[in-house]
Amino acid sequence: MPKERKSKRKRAKTGTGKGNVLNKALGPAAQQFGQEIAPLGKEVGALTVRVGNLLIRASEPFVYGLQKSAGWVEQAVTQRLSNVPEDKIVPPEARIAVPALRALTYSLGVEFIRDMFADLLAADMNADTKGHVHPAFVELIKEMTPAEAQVLAVVRHENKEVEFTVRVGMPHEFETLATRYSFAIEGLSIPECERSLSNLQRLGLVDARDEFPISQKHNQLEIALVEEFEPAKKQLVARSSASEWEIAIFVRRRGLYLTPLGKSFVQVCMTG
C-alpha cells in the first residue's frame, strides 16, 4: 500500500495524469489570455461604475420631483375620490400610475396638465371608471400643451364649435385669407388656437368635418367675416382683370368634433 500511494504521488508530480497533461497543453495560452483580459476587466468595471453613477445622477431630479409632487397628487386624487365608496377604491395599474407620476413630476407647475394627470389617476383608482382608462392617455397628456388642453375643453361641447376658412376669388381660383373659430379663449391668439387644433387632430382627439352645426351665432359670425375682408376683395379686384361681380368672398365652415378616442379621453382626464 505505501508503495502504491508513493507511485500515485509520483505520477502527479511528473505530470503523467490526464489533468496535468491538459493543464500543460493549455497552460501558456490560458495564462496569456488571462493577462490580456485583466485590463479589460478593469475597464469594464470602471465603465459600469461610471454608467451607474450617471444613471443615478440623471434620476435625481425625478426622485426630488416625486417627493415634491407626492403631497399635491395625494390631496388632488383624494379630493376626486371623496364621493366614491371605499369599497370601490382600488389600486392603480402600474402601467398607468408609474408613467403618470413620472410625467407629473415635470408638470407640477402647469395647472391644466397636472389636473389631467390627477383625473387620470383618480379614474384608474375607481372601480366604476377603471375600465375606461387606457395606457395611451398618459402619452396623450405628455404631448399636449396647456393651450391645447384649453382648446380641447372647449371642443368637448359637441356639435357647437365651428372652424371658418375665409377665401376670396372665384370658385375655381381663390386665395385663403384667414382662419377663424366660433370660440375665443382668453390669452390665446388665433394662430395658437390653430396650432392647438392641428396637434389635437394629430393625436386623434379632434376631427374637423365638412358637416357643421347651424346656429344664429354662426351665421352672424360669417356675415361679420365677409364684412371684415371686404377690403381684401377690393384689392384683388384692383390687381386682376376680373370684374367686381366675378370675385366674391367665400367662407367655408367645418364642424369640430371629438373622435371616439377624444370622447373617452375627456371622460377620464377632464372631469372638471
C-alpha atoms as a PDB file:
ATOM      1  CA  MET A   1       0.000   0.000   0.000  1.00  0.00           C
ATOM      2  CA  PRO A   2       2.697   2.588   0.830  1.00  0.00           C
ATOM      3  CA  LYS A   3       4.484   1.851  -2.452  1.00  0.00           C
ATOM      4  CA  GLU A   4       1.255   2.253  -4.438  1.00  0.00           C
ATOM      5  CA  ARG A   5       0.473   5.625  -2.825  1.00  0.00           C
ATOM      6  CA  LYS A   6       4.012   6.756  -3.489  1.00  0.00           C
ATOM      7  CA  SER A   7       3.637   5.774  -7.124  1.00  0.00           C
ATOM      8  CA  LYS A   8       0.432   7.852  -7.489  1.00  0.00           C
ATOM      9  CA  ARG A   9       2.081  10.862  -5.893  1.00  0.00           C
ATOM     10  CA  LYS A  10       4.989  10.433  -8.249  1.00  0.00           C
ATOM     11  CA  ARG A  11       2.707  10.391 -11.290  1.00  0.00           C
ATOM     12  CA  ALA A  12       1.016  13.571 -10.099  1.00  0.00           C
ATOM     13  CA  LYS A  13       4.377  15.308  -9.699  1.00  0.00           C
ATOM     14  CA  THR A  14       5.743  14.138 -13.024  1.00  0.00           C
ATOM     15  CA  GLY A  15       2.527  15.128 -14.823  1.00  0.00           C
ATOM     16  CA  THR A  16       1.620  11.742 -16.229  1.00  0.00           C
ATOM     17  CA  GLY A  17      -2.138  12.174 -15.197  1.00  0.00           C
ATOM     18  CA  LYS A  18      -4.728  13.299 -17.745  1.00  0.00           C
ATOM     19  CA  GLY A  19      -5.497  16.559 -15.855  1.00  0.00           C
ATOM     20  CA  ASN A  20      -1.887  17.594 -15.775  1.00  0.00           C
ATOM     21  CA  VAL A  21      -1.356  16.779 -19.415  1.00  0.00           C
ATOM     22  CA  LEU A  22      -4.298  19.077 -20.316  1.00  0.00           C
ATOM     23  CA  ASN A  23      -3.085  21.794 -17.996  1.00  0.00           C
ATOM     24  CA  LYS A  24       0.357  21.694 -19.525  1.00  0.00           C
ATOM     25  CA  ALA A  25      -1.058  21.849 -23.010  1.00  0.00           C
ATOM     26  CA  LEU A  26      -3.368  24.814 -22.317  1.00  0.00           C
ATOM     27  CA  GLY A  27      -1.338  26.492 -19.619  1.00  0.00           C
ATOM     28  CA  PRO A  28       0.573  29.077 -21.693  1.00  0.00           C
ATOM     29  CA  ALA A  29      -2.484  30.054 -23.747  1.00  0.00           C
ATOM     30  CA  ALA A  30      -4.672  30.345 -20.685  1.00  0.00           C
ATOM     31  CA  GLN A  31      -2.079  32.428 -18.897  1.00  0.00           C
ATOM     32  CA  GLN A  32      -1.697  34.710 -21.897  1.00  0.00           C
ATOM     33  CA  PHE A  33      -5.480  35.072 -22.245  1.00  0.00           C
ATOM     34  CA  GLY A  34      -5.771  35.964 -18.590  1.00  0.00           C
ATOM     35  CA  GLN A  35      -3.114  38.625 -18.965  1.00  0.00           C
ATOM     36  CA  GLU A  36      -4.953  40.096 -21.955  1.00  0.00           C
ATOM     37  CA  ILE A  37      -8.404  40.301 -20.369  1.00  0.00           C
ATOM     38  CA  ALA A  38      -7.222  41.584 -16.995  1.00  0.00           C
ATOM     39  CA  PRO A  39      -7.037  45.257 -18.119  1.00  0.00           C
ATOM     40  CA  LEU A  40     -10.324  44.855 -19.970  1.00  0.00           C
ATOM     41  CA  GLY A  41     -11.967  43.646 -16.802  1.00  0.00           C
ATOM     42  CA  LYS A  42     -10.783  46.749 -15.004  1.00  0.00           C
ATOM     43  CA  GLU A  43     -12.036  48.988 -17.785  1.00  0.00           C
ATOM     44  CA  VAL A  44     -15.430  47.281 -17.909  1.00  0.00           C
ATOM     45  CA  GLY A  45     -15.724  47.573 -14.149  1.00  0.00           C
ATOM     46  CA  ALA A  46     -14.847  51.260 -14.244  1.00  0.00           C
ATOM     47  CA  LEU A  47     -17.271  51.847 -17.099  1.00  0.00           C
ATOM     48  CA  THR A  48     -20.042  50.068 -15.211  1.00  0.00           C
ATOM     49  CA  VAL A  49     -19.473  52.285 -12.191  1.00  0.00           C
ATOM     50  CA  ARG A  50     -19.452  55.401 -14.370  1.00  0.00           C
ATOM     51  CA  VAL A  51     -22.639  54.422 -16.192  1.00  0.00           C
ATOM     52  CA  GLY A  52     -24.325  53.610 -12.894  1.00  0.00           C
ATOM     53  CA  ASN A  53     -23.323  56.969 -11.424  1.00  0.00           C
ATOM     54  CA  LEU A  54     -24.595  58.825 -14.483  1.00  0.00           C
ATOM     55  CA  LEU A  55     -27.910  56.993 -14.397  1.00  0.00           C
ATOM     56  CA  ILE A  56     -28.345  57.710 -10.706  1.00  0.00           C
ATOM     57  CA  ARG A  57     -27.437  61.343 -11.255  1.00  0.00           C
ATOM     58  CA  ALA A  58     -29.922  61.607 -14.099  1.00  0.00           C
ATOM     59  CA  SER A  59     -32.683  60.185 -11.905  1.00  0.00           C
ATOM     60  CA  GLU A  60     -32.059  62.603  -9.043  1.00  0.00           C
ATOM     61  CA  PRO A  61     -34.398  65.301 -10.432  1.00  0.00           C
ATOM     62  CA  PHE A  62     -37.124  62.669 -10.814  1.00  0.00           C
ATOM     63  CA  VAL A  63     -36.690  61.445  -7.231  1.00  0.00           C
ATOM     64  CA  TYR A  64     -36.700  65.017  -5.951  1.00  0.00           C
ATOM     65  CA  GLY A  65     -39.678  65.876  -8.134  1.00  0.00           C
ATOM     66  CA  LEU A  66     -41.571  62.798  -6.997  1.00  0.00           C
ATOM     67  CA  GLN A  67     -41.050  63.763  -3.373  1.00  0.00           C
ATOM     68  CA  LYS A  68     -42.161  67.297  -4.131  1.00  0.00           C
ATOM     69  CA  SER A  69     -45.274  66.244  -6.055  1.00  0.00           C
ATOM     70  CA  ALA A  70     -46.298  63.419  -3.698  1.00  0.00           C
ATOM     71  CA  GLY A  71     -48.214  65.689  -1.344  1.00  0.00           C
ATOM     72  CA  TRP A  72     -50.059  67.504  -4.111  1.00  0.00           C
ATOM     73  CA  VAL A  73     -51.078  64.410  -6.059  1.00  0.00           C
ATOM     74  CA  GLU A  74     -52.220  62.655  -2.880  1.00  0.00           C
ATOM     75  CA  GLN A  75     -54.524  65.528  -1.995  1.00  0.00           C
ATOM     76  CA  ALA A  76     -55.717  66.004  -5.588  1.00  0.00           C
ATOM     77  CA  VAL A  77     -56.590  62.344  -6.103  1.00  0.00           C
ATOM     78  CA  THR A  78     -58.158  62.066  -2.632  1.00  0.00           C
ATOM     79  CA  GLN A  79     -60.389  65.036  -3.419  1.00  0.00           C
ATOM     80  CA  ARG A  80     -61.505  63.431  -6.672  1.00  0.00           C
ATOM     81  CA  LEU A  81     -62.315  60.170  -4.872  1.00  0.00           C
ATOM     82  CA  SER A  82     -64.044  61.782  -1.891  1.00  0.00           C
ATOM     83  CA  ASN A  83     -67.520  60.769  -3.086  1.00  0.00           C
ATOM     84  CA  VAL A  84     -66.505  57.261  -4.175  1.00  0.00           C
ATOM     85  CA  PRO A  85     -67.485  54.415  -1.800  1.00  0.00           C
ATOM     86  CA  GLU A  86     -64.451  52.995  -0.044  1.00  0.00           C
ATOM     87  CA  ASP A  87     -65.019  49.524  -1.437  1.00  0.00           C
ATOM     88  CA  LYS A  88     -64.855  50.997  -4.951  1.00  0.00           C
ATOM     89  CA  ILE A  89     -61.371  52.459  -4.458  1.00  0.00           C
ATOM     90  CA  VAL A  90     -58.828  50.054  -5.960  1.00  0.00           C
ATOM     91  CA  PRO A  91     -55.052  50.061  -6.553  1.00  0.00           C
ATOM     92  CA  PRO A  92     -53.968  51.793  -9.772  1.00  0.00           C
ATOM     93  CA  GLU A  93     -52.410  49.839 -12.611  1.00  0.00           C
ATOM     94  CA  ALA A  94     -48.623  50.152 -12.720  1.00  0.00           C
ATOM     95  CA  ARG A  95     -48.802  50.850 -16.468  1.00  0.00           C
ATOM     96  CA  ILE A  96     -50.870  53.919 -15.643  1.00  0.00           C
ATOM     97  CA  ALA A  97     -49.572  55.106 -12.283  1.00  0.00           C
ATOM     98  CA  VAL A  98     -45.804  54.806 -12.816  1.00  0.00           C
ATOM     99  CA  PRO A  99     -45.504  56.787 -16.072  1.00  0.00           C
ATOM    100  CA  ALA A 100     -48.190  59.228 -14.934  1.00  0.00           C
ATOM    101  CA  LEU A 101     -46.366  60.006 -11.692  1.00  0.00           C
ATOM    102  CA  ARG A 102     -43.060  60.301 -13.537  1.00  0.00           C
ATOM    103  CA  ALA A 103     -44.539  62.742 -16.056  1.00  0.00           C
ATOM    104  CA  LEU A 104     -46.342  64.640 -13.311  1.00  0.00           C
ATOM    105  CA  THR A 105     -43.039  65.475 -11.601  1.00  0.00           C
ATOM    106  CA  TYR A 106     -42.130  67.620 -14.620  1.00  0.00           C
ATOM    107  CA  SER A 107     -45.595  69.181 -14.997  1.00  0.00           C
ATOM    108  CA  LEU A 108     -46.453  70.051 -11.422  1.00  0.00           C
ATOM    109  CA  GLY A 109     -46.338  73.776 -12.149  1.00  0.00           C
ATOM    110  CA  VAL A 110     -48.590  73.508 -15.224  1.00  0.00           C
ATOM    111  CA  GLU A 111     -52.163  73.660 -13.961  1.00  0.00           C
ATOM    112  CA  PHE A 112     -54.094  72.224 -16.915  1.00  0.00           C
ATOM    113  CA  ILE A 113     -51.660  69.351 -17.436  1.00  0.00           C
ATOM    114  CA  ARG A 114     -51.297  68.331 -13.796  1.00  0.00           C
ATOM    115  CA  ASP A 115     -55.088  68.346 -13.361  1.00  0.00           C
ATOM    116  CA  MET A 116     -55.464  65.900 -16.240  1.00  0.00           C
ATOM    117  CA  PHE A 117     -52.914  63.558 -14.645  1.00  0.00           C
ATOM    118  CA  ALA A 118     -54.792  63.756 -11.326  1.00  0.00           C
ATOM    119  CA  ASP A 119     -58.087  62.986 -13.113  1.00  0.00           C
ATOM    120  CA  LEU A 120     -56.445  60.048 -14.855  1.00  0.00           C
ATOM    121  CA  LEU A 121     -55.033  58.566 -11.636  1.00  0.00           C
ATOM    122  CA  ALA A 122     -58.346  59.028  -9.815  1.00  0.00           C
ATOM    123  CA  ALA A 123     -60.252  57.317 -12.639  1.00  0.00           C
ATOM    124  CA  ASP A 124     -57.835  54.387 -12.555  1.00  0.00           C
ATOM    125  CA  MET A 125     -58.415  54.003  -8.799  1.00  0.00           C
ATOM    126  CA  ASN A 126     -62.196  53.972  -9.140  1.00  0.00           C
ATOM    127  CA  ALA A 127     -63.614  50.529  -9.912  1.00  0.00           C
ATOM    128  CA  ASP A 128     -66.527  52.118 -11.810  1.00  0.00           C
ATOM    129  CA  THR A 129     -64.304  54.106 -14.192  1.00  0.00           C
ATOM    130  CA  LYS A 130     -61.183  51.948 -14.340  1.00  0.00           C
ATOM    131  CA  GLY A 131     -62.384  50.159 -17.486  1.00  0.00           C
ATOM    132  CA  HIS A 132     -62.424  53.463 -19.403  1.00  0.00           C
ATOM    133  CA  VAL A 133     -58.753  54.203 -18.689  1.00  0.00           C
ATOM    134  CA  HIS A 134     -56.208  53.481 -21.418  1.00  0.00           C
ATOM    135  CA  PRO A 135     -52.390  53.440 -21.032  1.00  0.00           C
ATOM    136  CA  ALA A 136     -52.107  55.710 -24.087  1.00  0.00           C
ATOM    137  CA  PHE A 137     -53.776  58.523 -22.128  1.00  0.00           C
ATOM    138  CA  VAL A 138     -50.504  59.170 -20.286  1.00  0.00           C
ATOM    139  CA  GLU A 139     -48.671  59.797 -23.548  1.00  0.00           C
ATOM    140  CA  LEU A 140     -51.512  61.930 -24.894  1.00  0.00           C
ATOM    141  CA  ILE A 141     -51.269  64.238 -21.883  1.00  0.00           C
ATOM    142  CA  LYS A 142     -47.484  64.368 -22.179  1.00  0.00           C
ATOM    143  CA  GLU A 143     -47.767  65.515 -25.803  1.00  0.00           C
ATOM    144  CA  MET A 144     -50.274  68.240 -25.004  1.00  0.00           C
ATOM    145  CA  THR A 145     -49.645  71.880 -24.105  1.00  0.00           C
ATOM    146  CA  PRO A 146     -51.797  73.925 -21.714  1.00  0.00           C
ATOM    147  CA  ALA A 147     -53.178  75.800 -24.742  1.00  0.00           C
ATOM    148  CA  GLU A 148     -54.219  72.537 -26.365  1.00  0.00           C
ATOM    149  CA  ALA A 149     -55.858  71.398 -23.141  1.00  0.00           C
ATOM    150  CA  GLN A 150     -57.929  74.590 -23.081  1.00  0.00           C
ATOM    151  CA  VAL A 151     -58.967  74.201 -26.714  1.00  0.00           C
ATOM    152  CA  LEU A 152     -59.909  70.570 -26.100  1.00  0.00           C
ATOM    153  CA  ALA A 153     -62.023  71.643 -23.124  1.00  0.00           C
ATOM    154  CA  VAL A 154     -63.968  73.962 -25.455  1.00  0.00           C
ATOM    155  CA  VAL A 155     -64.388  71.426 -28.269  1.00  0.00           C
ATOM    156  CA  ARG A 156     -65.688  68.801 -25.843  1.00  0.00           C
ATOM    157  CA  HIS A 157     -69.052  70.541 -26.027  1.00  0.00           C
ATOM    158  CA  GLU A 158     -70.011  68.614 -29.134  1.00  0.00           C
ATOM    159  CA  ASN A 159     -71.887  69.988 -32.136  1.00  0.00           C
ATOM    160  CA  LYS A 160     -71.295  73.578 -31.125  1.00  0.00           C
ATOM    161  CA  GLU A 161     -67.925  74.769 -32.412  1.00  0.00           C
ATOM    162  CA  VAL A 162     -67.006  75.647 -35.994  1.00  0.00           C
ATOM    163  CA  GLU A 163     -63.861  76.485 -37.953  1.00  0.00           C
ATOM    164  CA  PHE A 164     -64.297  79.250 -40.564  1.00  0.00           C
ATOM    165  CA  THR A 165     -61.886  79.482 -43.514  1.00  0.00           C
ATOM    166  CA  VAL A 166     -62.131  82.789 -45.373  1.00  0.00           C
ATOM    167  CA  ARG A 167     -61.335  82.734 -49.099  1.00  0.00           C
ATOM    168  CA  VAL A 168     -61.554  85.392 -51.778  1.00  0.00           C
ATOM    169  CA  GLY A 169     -61.707  84.892 -55.548  1.00  0.00           C
ATOM    170  CA  MET A 170     -63.690  82.682 -57.881  1.00  0.00           C
ATOM    171  CA  PRO A 171     -64.854  79.119 -57.180  1.00  0.00           C
ATOM    172  CA  HIS A 172     -62.084  77.649 -59.354  1.00  0.00           C
ATOM    173  CA  GLU A 173     -59.375  80.141 -58.334  1.00  0.00           C
ATOM    174  CA  PHE A 174     -59.112  81.757 -54.915  1.00  0.00           C
ATOM    175  CA  GLU A 175     -56.823  82.844 -52.093  1.00  0.00           C
ATOM    176  CA  THR A 176     -57.183  81.745 -48.478  1.00  0.00           C
ATOM    177  CA  LEU A 177     -57.123  84.838 -46.303  1.00  0.00           C
ATOM    178  CA  ALA A 178     -57.627  83.634 -42.749  1.00  0.00           C
ATOM    179  CA  THR A 179     -58.948  81.039 -40.353  1.00  0.00           C
ATOM    180  CA  ARG A 180     -61.318  81.927 -37.553  1.00  0.00           C
ATOM    181  CA  TYR A 181     -63.221  79.982 -34.906  1.00  0.00           C
ATOM    182  CA  SER A 182     -66.626  80.165 -33.277  1.00  0.00           C
ATOM    183  CA  PHE A 183     -64.888  80.369 -29.895  1.00  0.00           C
ATOM    184  CA  ALA A 184     -62.262  82.549 -28.281  1.00  0.00           C
ATOM    185  CA  ILE A 185     -60.053  81.696 -25.314  1.00  0.00           C
ATOM    186  CA  GLU A 186     -58.645  84.478 -23.184  1.00  0.00           C
ATOM    187  CA  GLY A 187     -54.885  84.679 -23.538  1.00  0.00           C
ATOM    188  CA  LEU A 188     -54.750  82.560 -26.708  1.00  0.00           C
ATOM    189  CA  SER A 189     -54.278  84.089 -30.135  1.00  0.00           C
ATOM    190  CA  ILE A 190     -55.949  82.723 -33.256  1.00  0.00           C
ATOM    191  CA  PRO A 191     -52.651  81.193 -34.530  1.00  0.00           C
ATOM    192  CA  GLU A 192     -52.222  79.466 -31.140  1.00  0.00           C
ATOM    193  CA  CYS A 193     -55.725  78.020 -31.421  1.00  0.00           C
ATOM    194  CA  GLU A 194     -54.956  76.886 -34.954  1.00  0.00           C
ATOM    195  CA  ARG A 195     -51.737  75.142 -33.887  1.00  0.00           C
ATOM    196  CA  SER A 196     -53.513  73.584 -30.919  1.00  0.00           C
ATOM    197  CA  LEU A 197     -56.258  72.123 -33.083  1.00  0.00           C
ATOM    198  CA  SER A 198     -53.652  70.835 -35.523  1.00  0.00           C
ATOM    199  CA  ASN A 199     -51.911  68.859 -32.771  1.00  0.00           C
ATOM    200  CA  LEU A 200     -55.192  67.646 -31.278  1.00  0.00           C
ATOM    201  CA  GLN A 201     -56.078  66.256 -34.694  1.00  0.00           C
ATOM    202  CA  ARG A 202     -52.640  64.647 -34.937  1.00  0.00           C
ATOM    203  CA  LEU A 203     -53.228  62.988 -31.571  1.00  0.00           C
ATOM    204  CA  GLY A 204     -56.542  61.640 -32.849  1.00  0.00           C
ATOM    205  CA  LEU A 205     -58.665  63.508 -30.306  1.00  0.00           C
ATOM    206  CA  VAL A 206     -60.401  66.030 -32.560  1.00  0.00           C
ATOM    207  CA  ASP A 207     -61.777  65.778 -36.084  1.00  0.00           C
ATOM    208  CA  ALA A 208     -62.721  68.660 -38.413  1.00  0.00           C
ATOM    209  CA  ARG A 209     -65.536  67.665 -40.783  1.00  0.00           C
ATOM    210  CA  ASP A 210     -67.482  69.399 -43.538  1.00  0.00           C
ATOM    211  CA  GLU A 211     -70.696  68.809 -41.621  1.00  0.00           C
ATOM    212  CA  PHE A 212     -71.302  71.556 -39.099  1.00  0.00           C
ATOM    213  CA  PRO A 213     -73.936  72.856 -36.681  1.00  0.00           C
ATOM    214  CA  ILE A 214     -76.155  75.684 -37.876  1.00  0.00           C
ATOM    215  CA  SER A 215     -76.965  78.450 -35.445  1.00  0.00           C
ATOM    216  CA  GLN A 216     -77.783  82.141 -35.490  1.00  0.00           C
ATOM    217  CA  LYS A 217     -74.477  82.840 -33.774  1.00  0.00           C
ATOM    218  CA  HIS A 218     -72.517  81.114 -36.554  1.00  0.00           C
ATOM    219  CA  ASN A 219     -74.495  82.911 -39.266  1.00  0.00           C
ATOM    220  CA  GLN A 220     -73.709  86.248 -37.666  1.00  0.00           C
ATOM    221  CA  LEU A 221     -70.023  85.356 -37.427  1.00  0.00           C
ATOM    222  CA  GLU A 222     -69.940  84.533 -41.133  1.00  0.00           C
ATOM    223  CA  ILE A 223     -71.564  87.863 -42.036  1.00  0.00           C
ATOM    224  CA  ALA A 224     -69.011  89.677 -39.860  1.00  0.00           C
ATOM    225  CA  LEU A 225     -66.146  87.863 -41.596  1.00  0.00           C
ATOM    226  CA  VAL A 226     -67.402  88.842 -45.048  1.00  0.00           C
ATOM    227  CA  GLU A 227     -67.501  92.483 -43.937  1.00  0.00           C
ATOM    228  CA  GLU A 228     -64.056  92.254 -42.319  1.00  0.00           C
ATOM    229  CA  PHE A 229     -62.389  91.004 -45.503  1.00  0.00           C
ATOM    230  CA  GLU A 230     -64.258  93.207 -47.992  1.00  0.00           C
ATOM    231  CA  PRO A 231     -61.150  95.446 -48.363  1.00  0.00           C
ATOM    232  CA  ALA A 232     -59.107  92.375 -49.351  1.00  0.00           C
ATOM    233  CA  LYS A 233     -61.648  91.613 -52.046  1.00  0.00           C
ATOM    234  CA  LYS A 234     -61.365  95.146 -53.449  1.00  0.00           C
ATOM    235  CA  GLN A 235     -57.561  94.823 -53.546  1.00  0.00           C
ATOM    236  CA  LEU A 236     -57.857  91.595 -55.521  1.00  0.00           C
ATOM    237  CA  VAL A 237     -60.262  93.213 -57.980  1.00  0.00           C
ATOM    238  CA  ALA A 238     -57.882  96.146 -58.459  1.00  0.00           C
ATOM    239  CA  ARG A 239     -54.922  93.941 -59.387  1.00  0.00           C
ATOM    240  CA  SER A 240     -56.806  91.437 -61.549  1.00  0.00           C
ATOM    241  CA  SER A 241     -58.619  91.541 -64.860  1.00  0.00           C
ATOM    242  CA  ALA A 242     -61.803  90.144 -63.326  1.00  0.00           C
ATOM    243  CA  SER A 243     -64.759  92.336 -62.560  1.00  0.00           C
ATOM    244  CA  GLU A 244     -66.101  93.001 -59.083  1.00  0.00           C
ATOM    245  CA  TRP A 245     -69.079  90.762 -59.841  1.00  0.00           C
ATOM    246  CA  GLU A 246     -66.841  87.789 -60.674  1.00  0.00           C
ATOM    247  CA  ILE A 247     -64.865  87.910 -57.414  1.00  0.00           C
ATOM    248  CA  ALA A 248     -66.510  87.055 -54.110  1.00  0.00           C
ATOM    249  CA  ILE A 249     -65.674  86.177 -50.528  1.00  0.00           C
ATOM    250  CA  PHE A 250     -66.313  82.546 -49.624  1.00  0.00           C
ATOM    251  CA  VAL A 251     -66.473  81.290 -46.046  1.00  0.00           C
ATOM    252  CA  ARG A 252     -66.007  77.558 -45.614  1.00  0.00           C
ATOM    253  CA  ARG A 253     -67.390  76.044 -42.415  1.00  0.00           C
ATOM    254  CA  ARG A 254     -66.152  72.863 -40.780  1.00  0.00           C
ATOM    255  CA  GLY A 255     -67.532  71.405 -37.579  1.00  0.00           C
ATOM    256  CA  LEU A 256     -65.093  70.491 -34.788  1.00  0.00           C
ATOM    257  CA  TYR A 257     -65.920  67.160 -33.171  1.00  0.00           C
ATOM    258  CA  LEU A 258     -64.389  64.798 -30.668  1.00  0.00           C
ATOM    259  CA  THR A 259     -63.311  61.454 -32.080  1.00  0.00           C
ATOM    260  CA  PRO A 260     -64.299  58.260 -30.205  1.00  0.00           C
ATOM    261  CA  LEU A 261     -60.836  58.333 -28.602  1.00  0.00           C
ATOM    262  CA  GLY A 262     -61.330  62.004 -27.747  1.00  0.00           C
ATOM    263  CA  LYS A 263     -64.666  61.290 -26.071  1.00  0.00           C
ATOM    264  CA  SER A 264     -63.115  58.583 -23.920  1.00  0.00           C
ATOM    265  CA  PHE A 265     -60.124  60.790 -23.101  1.00  0.00           C
ATOM    266  CA  VAL A 266     -62.132  63.792 -21.891  1.00  0.00           C
ATOM    267  CA  GLN A 267     -64.466  61.497 -19.958  1.00  0.00           C
ATOM    268  CA  VAL A 268     -61.489  60.202 -17.979  1.00  0.00           C
ATOM    269  CA  CYS A 269     -58.961  63.054 -17.951  1.00  0.00           C
ATOM    270  CA  MET A 270     -61.115  66.191 -17.990  1.00  0.00           C
ATOM    271  CA  THR A 271     -63.720  65.678 -15.315  1.00  0.00           C
ATOM    272  CA  GLY A 272     -63.586  69.256 -14.080  1.00  0.00           C
END
